[in-house]
Amino acid sequence: MFGVDEGSEIRCRIRSKGIVINDIASDFGGGGHPNASGVSVADWDRFNELADALNNKL
């Protein structure tokens, strides 16, 4: 996962090999394919919450 600060939001790109991640993206208001999804979050705290959710899935 990586994030790009767009000024008003953080755009997150999530990629995976084998682990389905679009369910977590959906939980955070994003979406996409099972192994390639995206999310926009308001700030870096929310970005870290997303990272924690993904790490918990591992």
N, C-alpha and C. Protein backbone atom coordinates (compact mmCIF):
# COMPACT_ATOMS: atom_id res chain seq x y z
N MET A 1 0.84 -1.16 0.00
CA MET A 1 0.00 0.00 0.00
C MET A 1 0.89 1.23 0.00
N PHE A 2 0.45 2.24 -0.72
CA PHE A 2 1.12 3.53 -0.63
C PHE A 2 0.08 4.63 -0.76
N GLY A 3 0.43 5.79 -0.22
CA GLY A 3 -0.49 6.91 -0.24
C GLY A 3 0.15 8.13 -0.88
N VAL A 4 -0.67 8.91 -1.55
CA VAL A 4 -0.23 10.15 -2.18
C VAL A 4 -1.06 11.29 -1.60
N ASP A 5 -0.38 12.27 -1.02
CA ASP A 5 -1.06 13.42 -0.44
C ASP A 5 -1.49 14.36 -1.56
N GLU A 6 -2.79 14.45 -1.77
CA GLU A 6 -3.35 15.29 -2.83
C GLU A 6 -3.77 16.66 -2.30
N GLY A 7 -3.41 16.97 -1.07
CA GLY A 7 -3.79 18.26 -0.48
C GLY A 7 -5.03 18.16 0.37
N SER A 8 -6.15 17.81 -0.24
CA SER A 8 -7.41 17.71 0.51
C SER A 8 -7.71 16.29 0.95
N GLU A 9 -6.95 15.32 0.46
CA GLU A 9 -7.15 13.92 0.82
C GLU A 9 -5.88 13.13 0.53
N ILE A 10 -5.82 11.93 1.10
CA ILE A 10 -4.73 11.00 0.83
C ILE A 10 -5.31 9.91 -0.07
N ARG A 11 -4.73 9.75 -1.25
CA ARG A 11 -5.18 8.70 -2.17
C ARG A 11 -4.31 7.47 -1.96
N CYS A 12 -4.94 6.37 -1.62
CA CYS A 12 -4.24 5.13 -1.28
C CYS A 12 -4.41 4.11 -2.40
N ARG A 13 -3.31 3.51 -2.77
CA ARG A 13 -3.34 2.40 -3.72
C ARG A 13 -2.94 1.14 -2.97
N ILE A 14 -3.74 0.10 -3.11
CA ILE A 14 -3.50 -1.14 -2.39
C ILE A 14 -3.34 -2.26 -3.41
N ARG A 15 -2.28 -3.02 -3.28
CA ARG A 15 -2.03 -4.16 -4.16
C ARG A 15 -1.73 -5.39 -3.31
N SER A 16 -2.05 -6.57 -3.85
CA SER A 16 -1.86 -7.82 -3.12
C SER A 16 -1.60 -8.96 -4.08
N LYS A 17 -0.90 -9.94 -3.60
CA LYS A 17 -0.75 -11.20 -4.33
C LYS A 17 -1.34 -12.29 -3.45
N GLY A 18 -2.55 -12.74 -3.79
CA GLY A 18 -3.14 -13.86 -3.09
C GLY A 18 -4.12 -13.51 -1.98
N ILE A 19 -3.97 -12.38 -1.33
CA ILE A 19 -4.87 -11.99 -0.25
C ILE A 19 -5.89 -10.99 -0.82
N VAL A 20 -7.16 -11.29 -0.65
CA VAL A 20 -8.22 -10.41 -1.15
C VAL A 20 -8.27 -9.17 -0.26
N ILE A 21 -8.16 -8.00 -0.87
CA ILE A 21 -8.09 -6.76 -0.10
C ILE A 21 -9.22 -5.78 -0.43
N ASN A 22 -10.04 -6.08 -1.43
CA ASN A 22 -11.08 -5.12 -1.80
C ASN A 22 -12.17 -5.01 -0.73
N ASP A 23 -12.31 -6.02 0.13
CA ASP A 23 -13.29 -5.92 1.22
C ASP A 23 -12.88 -4.84 2.22
N ILE A 24 -11.58 -4.75 2.51
CA ILE A 24 -11.10 -3.72 3.43
C ILE A 24 -11.20 -2.35 2.76
N ALA A 25 -10.86 -2.28 1.49
CA ALA A 25 -11.01 -1.02 0.77
C ALA A 25 -12.46 -0.54 0.84
N SER A 26 -13.39 -1.45 0.67
CA SER A 26 -14.81 -1.11 0.74
C SER A 26 -15.19 -0.60 2.13
N ASP A 27 -14.64 -1.22 3.17
CA ASP A 27 -14.91 -0.77 4.54
C ASP A 27 -14.49 0.68 4.77
N PHE A 28 -13.50 1.14 4.01
CA PHE A 28 -12.98 2.50 4.15
C PHE A 28 -13.52 3.44 3.07
N GLY A 29 -14.55 2.98 2.34
CA GLY A 29 -15.18 3.85 1.35
C GLY A 29 -14.59 3.76 -0.04
N GLY A 30 -13.71 2.80 -0.26
CA GLY A 30 -13.10 2.63 -1.57
C GLY A 30 -13.62 1.39 -2.26
N GLY A 31 -12.83 0.88 -3.17
CA GLY A 31 -13.24 -0.32 -3.88
C GLY A 31 -12.21 -0.73 -4.90
N GLY A 32 -12.59 -1.69 -5.71
CA GLY A 32 -11.68 -2.16 -6.74
C GLY A 32 -11.76 -3.66 -6.92
N HIS A 33 -10.69 -4.20 -7.41
CA HIS A 33 -10.59 -5.63 -7.69
C HIS A 33 -10.07 -6.37 -6.46
N PRO A 34 -10.22 -7.69 -6.42
CA PRO A 34 -9.76 -8.44 -5.24
C PRO A 34 -8.30 -8.19 -4.86
N ASN A 35 -7.43 -7.99 -5.84
CA ASN A 35 -6.01 -7.82 -5.53
C ASN A 35 -5.46 -6.45 -5.92
N ALA A 36 -6.32 -5.53 -6.32
CA ALA A 36 -5.89 -4.17 -6.66
C ALA A 36 -7.06 -3.23 -6.39
N SER A 37 -6.90 -2.42 -5.35
CA SER A 37 -7.99 -1.54 -4.93
C SER A 37 -7.46 -0.16 -4.59
N GLY A 38 -8.37 0.76 -4.35
CA GLY A 38 -7.99 2.11 -3.98
C GLY A 38 -8.98 2.71 -3.00
N VAL A 39 -8.47 3.66 -2.22
CA VAL A 39 -9.26 4.34 -1.20
C VAL A 39 -8.76 5.78 -1.10
N SER A 40 -9.65 6.71 -0.86
CA SER A 40 -9.27 8.08 -0.50
C SER A 40 -9.66 8.29 0.95
N VAL A 41 -8.70 8.77 1.74
CA VAL A 41 -8.95 9.04 3.16
C VAL A 41 -8.65 10.50 3.46
N ALA A 42 -9.19 10.98 4.57
CA ALA A 42 -9.10 12.41 4.90
C ALA A 42 -7.73 12.84 5.39
N ASP A 43 -7.02 11.94 6.10
CA ASP A 43 -5.75 12.36 6.71
C ASP A 43 -4.86 11.14 6.97
N TRP A 44 -3.65 11.41 7.46
CA TRP A 44 -2.69 10.33 7.69
C TRP A 44 -3.09 9.43 8.85
N ASP A 45 -3.88 9.93 9.79
CA ASP A 45 -4.38 9.06 10.87
C ASP A 45 -5.29 7.98 10.29
N ARG A 46 -6.17 8.38 9.38
CA ARG A 46 -7.06 7.41 8.74
C ARG A 46 -6.26 6.45 7.85
N PHE A 47 -5.23 6.96 7.21
CA PHE A 47 -4.32 6.13 6.41
C PHE A 47 -3.71 5.04 7.29
N ASN A 48 -3.28 5.42 8.50
CA ASN A 48 -2.69 4.45 9.42
C ASN A 48 -3.72 3.44 9.90
N GLU A 49 -4.97 3.85 10.08
CA GLU A 49 -6.03 2.91 10.42
C GLU A 49 -6.23 1.88 9.30
N LEU A 50 -6.17 2.34 8.07
CA LEU A 50 -6.26 1.44 6.92
C LEU A 50 -5.10 0.46 6.91
N ALA A 51 -3.90 0.96 7.15
CA ALA A 51 -2.72 0.09 7.20
C ALA A 51 -2.86 -0.96 8.29
N ASP A 52 -3.37 -0.56 9.46
CA ASP A 52 -3.58 -1.51 10.55
C ASP A 52 -4.59 -2.59 10.16
N ALA A 53 -5.67 -2.19 9.50
CA ALA A 53 -6.69 -3.15 9.07
C ALA A 53 -6.10 -4.15 8.08
N LEU A 54 -5.27 -3.67 7.17
CA LEU A 54 -4.63 -4.58 6.21
C LEU A 54 -3.65 -5.51 6.91
N ASN A 55 -2.87 -4.99 7.84
CA ASN A 55 -1.91 -5.83 8.57
C ASN A 55 -2.63 -6.89 9.40
N ASN A 56 -3.77 -6.55 9.96
CA ASN A 56 -4.54 -7.52 10.75
C ASN A 56 -5.07 -8.66 9.89
N LYS A 57 -5.23 -8.42 8.61
CA LYS A 57 -5.73 -9.46 7.71
C LYS A 57 -4.64 -10.47 7.34
N LEU A 58 -3.39 -10.08 7.49
CA LEU A 58 -2.29 -10.98 7.11
C LEU A 58 -2.22 -12.21 7.98
